[in-house]
Amino acid sequence: AIALKLASTGHRVAVLGRDASAIDETARAVEGLALTADVTDQPSVERALAKLRETWGDPQIVVANAGIAESATLSDTSDDAWDRHMLINATAPFRLARAVAPAMIAAKFGRIINIASNAGLTGYAYTSAYCASKHALVGLTRALAVELARTGVTVNAVCPGFVDTEMATRAATAIAAKTGRSPELARKALEDLSPQRRLVTVSEVAHVVAMLCDDAAQAVNGQALAIDGGQVM
């Protein structure tokens, strides 16, 4: 949805991810460039960035959208689960920002947009690793925003609540399995977290990302924008 929105507003879009078929499909939809890489494998990311630079040059806008969310009690949260959340949700965006920022600084323009979560602004039970990783991503965003404030580069975080995606469906399924509720009631529990009593749509998240990319958004920097119907204020 973000790729389609940015393409519709005139941006040339490169799409990066692990699933080659899905990446190819999205790249074709936006008439863009497909880059296959695993964000936990920095050498593969560097190879993908090298391909991008050879094809189009340095990116002016980077949206760090890869992420995972798993739930467990504190006692059932393994070191591996903790490390996995930190690596994908926080370390990978850090490494990506470090890789692209120098060229943005040289060009005196850039947008680094981290897709975080309102779990980076508040706490949710049974998601200690996820919440901690998203808080780390928001903290990284704020630190980089201050560091790069005079360079023409802005750094912001978009923090959705539950979005109507496969991840929300998996969360509802897990709630149903653990509580004995029906899948419909489990989904309603997620919807009811928002004062608007609904899930966020992917187009709403994409709209905010596109807004941050606009030249007129230069003063929006270091923000963690909650897209959750007013759940976190």
C-alpha atoms as a PDB file:
ATOM      1  CA  ALA A   1       0.000   0.000   0.000  1.00  0.00           C
ATOM      2  CA  ILE A   2       2.852   2.391   0.801  1.00  0.00           C
ATOM      3  CA  ALA A   3       4.625   1.558  -2.461  1.00  0.00           C
ATOM      4  CA  LEU A   4       1.436   2.115  -4.467  1.00  0.00           C
ATOM      5  CA  LYS A   5       0.739   5.423  -2.721  1.00  0.00           C
ATOM      6  CA  LEU A   6       4.238   6.768  -3.260  1.00  0.00           C
ATOM      7  CA  ALA A   7       4.198   5.710  -6.904  1.00  0.00           C
ATOM      8  CA  SER A   8       0.831   7.431  -7.385  1.00  0.00           C
ATOM      9  CA  THR A   9       2.276  10.688  -6.058  1.00  0.00           C
ATOM     10  CA  GLY A  10       5.146  10.671  -8.533  1.00  0.00           C
ATOM     11  CA  HIS A  11       7.901   8.822  -6.712  1.00  0.00           C
ATOM     12  CA  ARG A  12      10.025   6.166  -8.360  1.00  0.00           C
ATOM     13  CA  VAL A  13       9.819   3.202  -6.003  1.00  0.00           C
ATOM     14  CA  ALA A  14      12.213   0.348  -5.280  1.00  0.00           C
ATOM     15  CA  VAL A  15      10.720  -2.474  -3.212  1.00  0.00           C
ATOM     16  CA  LEU A  16      12.920  -4.604  -0.940  1.00  0.00           C
ATOM     17  CA  GLY A  17      12.016  -7.811   0.870  1.00  0.00           C
ATOM     18  CA  ARG A  18      12.686 -11.530   1.306  1.00  0.00           C
ATOM     19  CA  ASP A  19       9.870 -12.960  -0.806  1.00  0.00           C
ATOM     20  CA  ALA A  20      11.043 -12.602  -4.415  1.00  0.00           C
ATOM     21  CA  SER A  21       7.629 -13.341  -5.938  1.00  0.00           C
ATOM     22  CA  ALA A  22       5.813 -10.842  -3.712  1.00  0.00           C
ATOM     23  CA  ILE A  23       8.496  -8.211  -4.269  1.00  0.00           C
ATOM     24  CA  ASP A  24       8.365  -8.729  -8.036  1.00  0.00           C
ATOM     25  CA  GLU A  25       4.570  -8.424  -8.000  1.00  0.00           C
ATOM     26  CA  THR A  26       4.658  -5.156  -6.051  1.00  0.00           C
ATOM     27  CA  ALA A  27       7.486  -3.757  -8.152  1.00  0.00           C
ATOM     28  CA  ARG A  28       5.516  -4.492 -11.329  1.00  0.00           C
ATOM     29  CA  ALA A  29       2.448  -2.816  -9.841  1.00  0.00           C
ATOM     30  CA  VAL A  30       4.399   0.402  -9.241  1.00  0.00           C
ATOM     31  CA  GLU A  31       6.572   0.047 -12.362  1.00  0.00           C
ATOM     32  CA  GLY A  32       9.532   0.084 -10.030  1.00  0.00           C
ATOM     33  CA  LEU A  33      12.586  -1.901  -9.058  1.00  0.00           C
ATOM     34  CA  ALA A  34      12.550  -5.228  -7.194  1.00  0.00           C
ATOM     35  CA  LEU A  35      15.315  -5.801  -4.649  1.00  0.00           C
ATOM     36  CA  THR A  36      15.447  -9.143  -2.861  1.00  0.00           C
ATOM     37  CA  ALA A  37      17.166  -9.106   0.537  1.00  0.00           C
ATOM     38  CA  ASP A  38      16.670 -10.201   4.123  1.00  0.00           C
ATOM     39  CA  VAL A  39      16.905  -7.221   6.470  1.00  0.00           C
ATOM     40  CA  THR A  40      18.539  -9.431   9.112  1.00  0.00           C
ATOM     41  CA  ASP A  41      21.392 -10.154   6.685  1.00  0.00           C
ATOM     42  CA  GLN A  42      23.246  -6.878   6.231  1.00  0.00           C
ATOM     43  CA  PRO A  43      25.477  -8.093   3.361  1.00  0.00           C
ATOM     44  CA  SER A  44      22.351  -8.927   1.326  1.00  0.00           C
ATOM     45  CA  VAL A  45      20.942  -5.474   2.097  1.00  0.00           C
ATOM     46  CA  GLU A  46      24.212  -3.861   1.001  1.00  0.00           C
ATOM     47  CA  ARG A  47      24.085  -5.822  -2.268  1.00  0.00           C
ATOM     48  CA  ALA A  48      20.508  -4.657  -2.829  1.00  0.00           C
ATOM     49  CA  LEU A  49      21.487  -1.035  -2.148  1.00  0.00           C
ATOM     50  CA  ALA A  50      24.405  -1.386  -4.550  1.00  0.00           C
ATOM     51  CA  LYS A  51      21.991  -2.571  -7.248  1.00  0.00           C
ATOM     52  CA  LEU A  52      19.732   0.391  -6.504  1.00  0.00           C
ATOM     53  CA  ARG A  53      22.605   2.849  -6.746  1.00  0.00           C
ATOM     54  CA  GLU A  54      23.802   1.332 -10.006  1.00  0.00           C
ATOM     55  CA  THR A  55      20.303   1.553 -11.459  1.00  0.00           C
ATOM     56  CA  TRP A  56      18.901   4.813 -10.140  1.00  0.00           C
ATOM     57  CA  GLY A  57      21.454   6.348  -7.796  1.00  0.00           C
ATOM     58  CA  ASP A  58      21.174   6.972  -4.060  1.00  0.00           C
ATOM     59  CA  PRO A  59      17.705   6.839  -2.499  1.00  0.00           C
ATOM     60  CA  GLN A  60      16.201  10.123  -1.333  1.00  0.00           C
ATOM     61  CA  ILE A  61      13.464   8.461   0.707  1.00  0.00           C
ATOM     62  CA  VAL A  62      13.686   5.264   2.745  1.00  0.00           C
ATOM     63  CA  VAL A  63      10.714   3.620   4.442  1.00  0.00           C
ATOM     64  CA  ALA A  64      11.716   0.911   6.930  1.00  0.00           C
ATOM     65  CA  ASN A  65       8.591  -1.234   6.998  1.00  0.00           C
ATOM     66  CA  ALA A  66       9.770  -4.788   7.769  1.00  0.00           C
ATOM     67  CA  GLY A  67       8.665  -6.021  11.171  1.00  0.00           C
ATOM     68  CA  ILE A  68       7.494  -8.938  13.276  1.00  0.00           C
ATOM     69  CA  ALA A  69       5.129  -9.240  16.220  1.00  0.00           C
ATOM     70  CA  GLU A  70       4.934 -12.240  18.522  1.00  0.00           C
ATOM     71  CA  SER A  71       3.132 -12.547  21.844  1.00  0.00           C
ATOM     72  CA  ALA A  72       4.059 -14.495  24.948  1.00  0.00           C
ATOM     73  CA  THR A  73       4.126 -14.095  28.689  1.00  0.00           C
ATOM     74  CA  LEU A  74       7.351 -12.776  30.167  1.00  0.00           C
ATOM     75  CA  SER A  75       8.370 -16.233  31.391  1.00  0.00           C
ATOM     76  CA  ASP A  76       7.709 -17.718  27.944  1.00  0.00           C
ATOM     77  CA  THR A  77       9.646 -15.030  26.067  1.00  0.00           C
ATOM     78  CA  SER A  78      12.917 -16.677  25.071  1.00  0.00           C
ATOM     79  CA  ASP A  79      16.224 -14.959  24.447  1.00  0.00           C
ATOM     80  CA  ASP A  80      15.863 -15.962  20.806  1.00  0.00           C
ATOM     81  CA  ALA A  81      12.465 -14.258  20.561  1.00  0.00           C
ATOM     82  CA  TRP A  82      13.857 -11.125  22.203  1.00  0.00           C
ATOM     83  CA  ASP A  83      16.858 -11.040  19.884  1.00  0.00           C
ATOM     84  CA  ARG A  84      14.705 -11.690  16.813  1.00  0.00           C
ATOM     85  CA  HIS A  85      12.421  -8.743  17.588  1.00  0.00           C
ATOM     86  CA  MET A  86      15.331  -6.430  18.259  1.00  0.00           C
ATOM     87  CA  LEU A  87      17.171  -7.482  15.109  1.00  0.00           C
ATOM     88  CA  ILE A  88      14.248  -7.051  12.718  1.00  0.00           C
ATOM     89  CA  ASN A  89      12.350  -4.186  14.362  1.00  0.00           C
ATOM     90  CA  ALA A  90      15.216  -2.003  15.586  1.00  0.00           C
ATOM     91  CA  THR A  91      18.685  -3.081  14.419  1.00  0.00           C
ATOM     92  CA  ALA A  92      17.727  -3.465  10.753  1.00  0.00           C
ATOM     93  CA  PRO A  93      16.278   0.091  10.518  1.00  0.00           C
ATOM     94  CA  PHE A  94      19.367   1.403  12.326  1.00  0.00           C
ATOM     95  CA  ARG A  95      21.683  -0.258   9.825  1.00  0.00           C
ATOM     96  CA  LEU A  96      19.592   0.934   6.899  1.00  0.00           C
ATOM     97  CA  ALA A  97      19.599   4.528   8.136  1.00  0.00           C
ATOM     98  CA  ARG A  98      23.347   4.361   8.643  1.00  0.00           C
ATOM     99  CA  ALA A  99      23.790   3.113   5.079  1.00  0.00           C
ATOM    100  CA  VAL A 100      21.652   5.758   3.351  1.00  0.00           C
ATOM    101  CA  ALA A 101      22.122   8.876   5.478  1.00  0.00           C
ATOM    102  CA  PRO A 102      25.542   9.991   4.141  1.00  0.00           C
ATOM    103  CA  ALA A 103      24.256  10.434   0.576  1.00  0.00           C
ATOM    104  CA  MET A 104      21.125  12.190   1.844  1.00  0.00           C
ATOM    105  CA  ILE A 105      23.284  14.575   3.870  1.00  0.00           C
ATOM    106  CA  ALA A 106      25.449  15.270   0.825  1.00  0.00           C
ATOM    107  CA  ALA A 107      22.340  15.978  -1.242  1.00  0.00           C
ATOM    108  CA  LYS A 108      20.904  18.194   1.532  1.00  0.00           C
ATOM    109  CA  PHE A 109      17.611  16.336   1.293  1.00  0.00           C
ATOM    110  CA  GLY A 110      16.280  13.065   2.609  1.00  0.00           C
ATOM    111  CA  ARG A 111      13.414  11.319   4.297  1.00  0.00           C
ATOM    112  CA  ILE A 112      13.883   8.393   6.674  1.00  0.00           C
ATOM    113  CA  ILE A 113      10.530   6.992   7.768  1.00  0.00           C
ATOM    114  CA  ASN A 114      10.380   4.161  10.278  1.00  0.00           C
ATOM    115  CA  ILE A 115       7.155   2.179  10.540  1.00  0.00           C
ATOM    116  CA  ALA A 116       6.977   1.619  14.278  1.00  0.00           C
ATOM    117  CA  SER A 117       3.768   0.995  16.254  1.00  0.00           C
ATOM    118  CA  ASN A 118       1.756   2.609  18.982  1.00  0.00           C
ATOM    119  CA  ALA A 119       3.365  -0.185  21.023  1.00  0.00           C
ATOM    120  CA  GLY A 120       6.398   2.095  20.815  1.00  0.00           C
ATOM    121  CA  LEU A 121       4.399   4.733  22.690  1.00  0.00           C
ATOM    122  CA  THR A 122       2.653   2.621  25.327  1.00  0.00           C
ATOM    123  CA  GLY A 123       2.713  -0.885  26.770  1.00  0.00           C
ATOM    124  CA  TYR A 124       0.798  -4.017  25.822  1.00  0.00           C
ATOM    125  CA  ALA A 125       0.738  -7.107  28.010  1.00  0.00           C
ATOM    126  CA  TYR A 126       2.333 -10.292  26.668  1.00  0.00           C
ATOM    127  CA  THR A 127       4.426  -8.413  24.110  1.00  0.00           C
ATOM    128  CA  SER A 128       7.543  -7.420  26.038  1.00  0.00           C
ATOM    129  CA  ALA A 129       9.946  -8.102  23.171  1.00  0.00           C
ATOM    130  CA  TYR A 130       7.749  -6.405  20.598  1.00  0.00           C
ATOM    131  CA  CYS A 131       7.059  -3.331  22.741  1.00  0.00           C
ATOM    132  CA  ALA A 132      10.715  -2.971  23.667  1.00  0.00           C
ATOM    133  CA  SER A 133      11.806  -3.205  20.032  1.00  0.00           C
ATOM    134  CA  LYS A 134       9.281  -0.599  18.905  1.00  0.00           C
ATOM    135  CA  HIS A 135      10.251   1.727  21.763  1.00  0.00           C
ATOM    136  CA  ALA A 136      13.843   1.298  20.579  1.00  0.00           C
ATOM    137  CA  LEU A 137      12.820   2.247  17.043  1.00  0.00           C
ATOM    138  CA  VAL A 138      11.041   5.376  18.255  1.00  0.00           C
ATOM    139  CA  GLY A 139      14.105   6.287  20.319  1.00  0.00           C
ATOM    140  CA  LEU A 140      16.368   5.762  17.316  1.00  0.00           C
ATOM    141  CA  THR A 141      14.063   7.977  15.245  1.00  0.00           C
ATOM    142  CA  ARG A 142      14.223  10.815  17.741  1.00  0.00           C
ATOM    143  CA  ALA A 143      17.989  10.610  18.161  1.00  0.00           C
ATOM    144  CA  LEU A 144      18.637  10.641  14.420  1.00  0.00           C
ATOM    145  CA  ALA A 145      16.159  13.475  13.899  1.00  0.00           C
ATOM    146  CA  VAL A 146      18.131  15.699  16.255  1.00  0.00           C
ATOM    147  CA  GLU A 147      21.481  14.622  14.832  1.00  0.00           C
ATOM    148  CA  LEU A 148      20.428  15.306  11.231  1.00  0.00           C
ATOM    149  CA  ALA A 149      18.171  18.300  11.858  1.00  0.00           C
ATOM    150  CA  ARG A 150      20.396  20.820  10.054  1.00  0.00           C
ATOM    151  CA  THR A 151      21.239  18.626   7.082  1.00  0.00           C
ATOM    152  CA  GLY A 152      17.957  18.710   5.139  1.00  0.00           C
ATOM    153  CA  VAL A 153      17.150  15.155   6.225  1.00  0.00           C
ATOM    154  CA  THR A 154      14.095  14.431   8.364  1.00  0.00           C
ATOM    155  CA  VAL A 155      13.538  11.273  10.402  1.00  0.00           C
ATOM    156  CA  ASN A 156      10.080  10.305  11.627  1.00  0.00           C
ATOM    157  CA  ALA A 157       8.217   7.268  12.918  1.00  0.00           C
ATOM    158  CA  VAL A 158       4.725   6.231  11.918  1.00  0.00           C
ATOM    159  CA  CYS A 159       3.051   4.396  14.804  1.00  0.00           C
ATOM    160  CA  PRO A 160      -0.105   2.558  13.778  1.00  0.00           C
ATOM    161  CA  GLY A 161      -2.410   0.709  16.092  1.00  0.00           C
ATOM    162  CA  PHE A 162      -3.796  -2.594  14.852  1.00  0.00           C
ATOM    163  CA  VAL A 163      -3.930  -2.409  11.056  1.00  0.00           C
ATOM    164  CA  ASP A 164      -6.239  -4.588   8.961  1.00  0.00           C
ATOM    165  CA  THR A 165      -3.496  -6.880   7.644  1.00  0.00           C
ATOM    166  CA  GLU A 166      -2.458 -10.511   7.968  1.00  0.00           C
ATOM    167  CA  MET A 167      -0.595  -9.597  11.167  1.00  0.00           C
ATOM    168  CA  ALA A 168      -3.850  -8.478  12.805  1.00  0.00           C
ATOM    169  CA  THR A 169      -5.563 -11.642  11.604  1.00  0.00           C
ATOM    170  CA  ARG A 170      -2.822 -13.749  13.206  1.00  0.00           C
ATOM    171  CA  ALA A 171      -3.189 -11.768  16.433  1.00  0.00           C
ATOM    172  CA  ALA A 172      -6.941 -12.374  16.476  1.00  0.00           C
ATOM    173  CA  THR A 173      -6.394 -16.077  15.816  1.00  0.00           C
ATOM    174  CA  ALA A 174      -3.934 -16.274  18.709  1.00  0.00           C
ATOM    175  CA  ILE A 175      -6.375 -14.495  21.032  1.00  0.00           C
ATOM    176  CA  ALA A 176      -9.137 -16.874  20.015  1.00  0.00           C
ATOM    177  CA  ALA A 177      -6.944 -19.913  20.633  1.00  0.00           C
ATOM    178  CA  LYS A 178      -5.806 -18.739  24.058  1.00  0.00           C
ATOM    179  CA  THR A 179      -9.119 -17.407  25.352  1.00  0.00           C
ATOM    180  CA  GLY A 180     -11.697 -19.664  23.724  1.00  0.00           C
ATOM    181  CA  ARG A 181     -13.417 -16.711  22.063  1.00  0.00           C
ATOM    182  CA  SER A 182     -14.627 -16.959  18.507  1.00  0.00           C
ATOM    183  CA  PRO A 183     -12.361 -15.402  15.844  1.00  0.00           C
ATOM    184  CA  GLU A 184     -15.030 -12.722  15.341  1.00  0.00           C
ATOM    185  CA  LEU A 185     -15.029 -11.745  19.013  1.00  0.00           C
ATOM    186  CA  ALA A 186     -11.230 -11.811  19.087  1.00  0.00           C
ATOM    187  CA  ARG A 187     -11.100  -9.436  16.141  1.00  0.00           C
ATOM    188  CA  LYS A 188     -13.679  -7.201  17.834  1.00  0.00           C
ATOM    189  CA  ALA A 189     -11.415  -7.055  20.904  1.00  0.00           C
ATOM    190  CA  LEU A 190      -8.679  -5.621  18.689  1.00  0.00           C
ATOM    191  CA  GLU A 191     -11.094  -3.181  17.081  1.00  0.00           C
ATOM    192  CA  ASP A 192     -12.320  -2.031  20.488  1.00  0.00           C
ATOM    193  CA  LEU A 193      -8.835  -0.929  21.509  1.00  0.00           C
ATOM    194  CA  SER A 194      -9.415   2.110  19.287  1.00  0.00           C
ATOM    195  CA  PRO A 195     -11.901   4.795  20.363  1.00  0.00           C
ATOM    196  CA  GLN A 196     -13.147   4.570  16.764  1.00  0.00           C
ATOM    197  CA  ARG A 197     -13.874   0.846  17.308  1.00  0.00           C
ATOM    198  CA  ARG A 198     -12.177  -0.245  14.099  1.00  0.00           C
ATOM    199  CA  LEU A 199      -8.874  -1.361  12.676  1.00  0.00           C
ATOM    200  CA  VAL A 200      -6.684   1.106  10.826  1.00  0.00           C
ATOM    201  CA  THR A 201      -6.573   0.645   7.052  1.00  0.00           C
ATOM    202  CA  VAL A 202      -3.356   0.255   5.094  1.00  0.00           C
ATOM    203  CA  SER A 203      -4.306   3.267   2.976  1.00  0.00           C
ATOM    204  CA  GLU A 204      -4.404   5.457   6.096  1.00  0.00           C
ATOM    205  CA  VAL A 205      -0.865   4.450   7.009  1.00  0.00           C
ATOM    206  CA  ALA A 206       0.299   4.984   3.420  1.00  0.00           C
ATOM    207  CA  HIS A 207      -1.284   8.451   3.396  1.00  0.00           C
ATOM    208  CA  VAL A 208       0.774   9.565   6.391  1.00  0.00           C
ATOM    209  CA  VAL A 209       3.971   8.182   4.862  1.00  0.00           C
ATOM    210  CA  ALA A 210       3.310  10.092   1.645  1.00  0.00           C
ATOM    211  CA  MET A 211       2.632  13.257   3.622  1.00  0.00           C
ATOM    212  CA  LEU A 212       6.005  12.983   5.362  1.00  0.00           C
ATOM    213  CA  CYS A 213       7.721  12.685   1.983  1.00  0.00           C
ATOM    214  CA  ASP A 214       6.332  15.989   0.743  1.00  0.00           C
ATOM    215  CA  ASP A 215       8.635  18.999   0.499  1.00  0.00           C
ATOM    216  CA  ALA A 216       6.162  20.909   2.662  1.00  0.00           C
ATOM    217  CA  ALA A 217       6.742  18.465   5.536  1.00  0.00           C
ATOM    218  CA  GLN A 218      10.301  19.652   6.178  1.00  0.00           C
ATOM    219  CA  ALA A 219       9.399  20.926   9.668  1.00  0.00           C
ATOM    220  CA  VAL A 220       7.924  17.552  10.675  1.00  0.00           C
ATOM    221  CA  ASN A 221      10.966  15.933  12.262  1.00  0.00           C
ATOM    222  CA  GLY A 222      11.527  13.527  15.116  1.00  0.00           C
ATOM    223  CA  GLN A 223       7.843  12.791  15.436  1.00  0.00           C
ATOM    224  CA  ALA A 224       6.184   9.520  16.391  1.00  0.00           C
ATOM    225  CA  LEU A 225       2.833   9.876  14.664  1.00  0.00           C
ATOM    226  CA  ALA A 226       0.166   7.649  16.198  1.00  0.00           C
ATOM    227  CA  ILE A 227      -2.280   6.334  13.592  1.00  0.00           C
ATOM    228  CA  ASP A 228      -4.709   4.546  15.872  1.00  0.00           C
ATOM    229  CA  GLY A 229      -7.989   6.433  16.048  1.00  0.00           C
ATOM    230  CA  GLY A 230      -6.990   8.190  19.253  1.00  0.00           C
ATOM    231  CA  GLN A 231      -6.018   5.138  21.300  1.00  0.00           C
ATOM    232  CA  VAL A 232      -2.720   6.656  22.479  1.00  0.00           C
ATOM    233  CA  MET A 233      -2.671  10.382  23.223  1.00  0.00           C
END
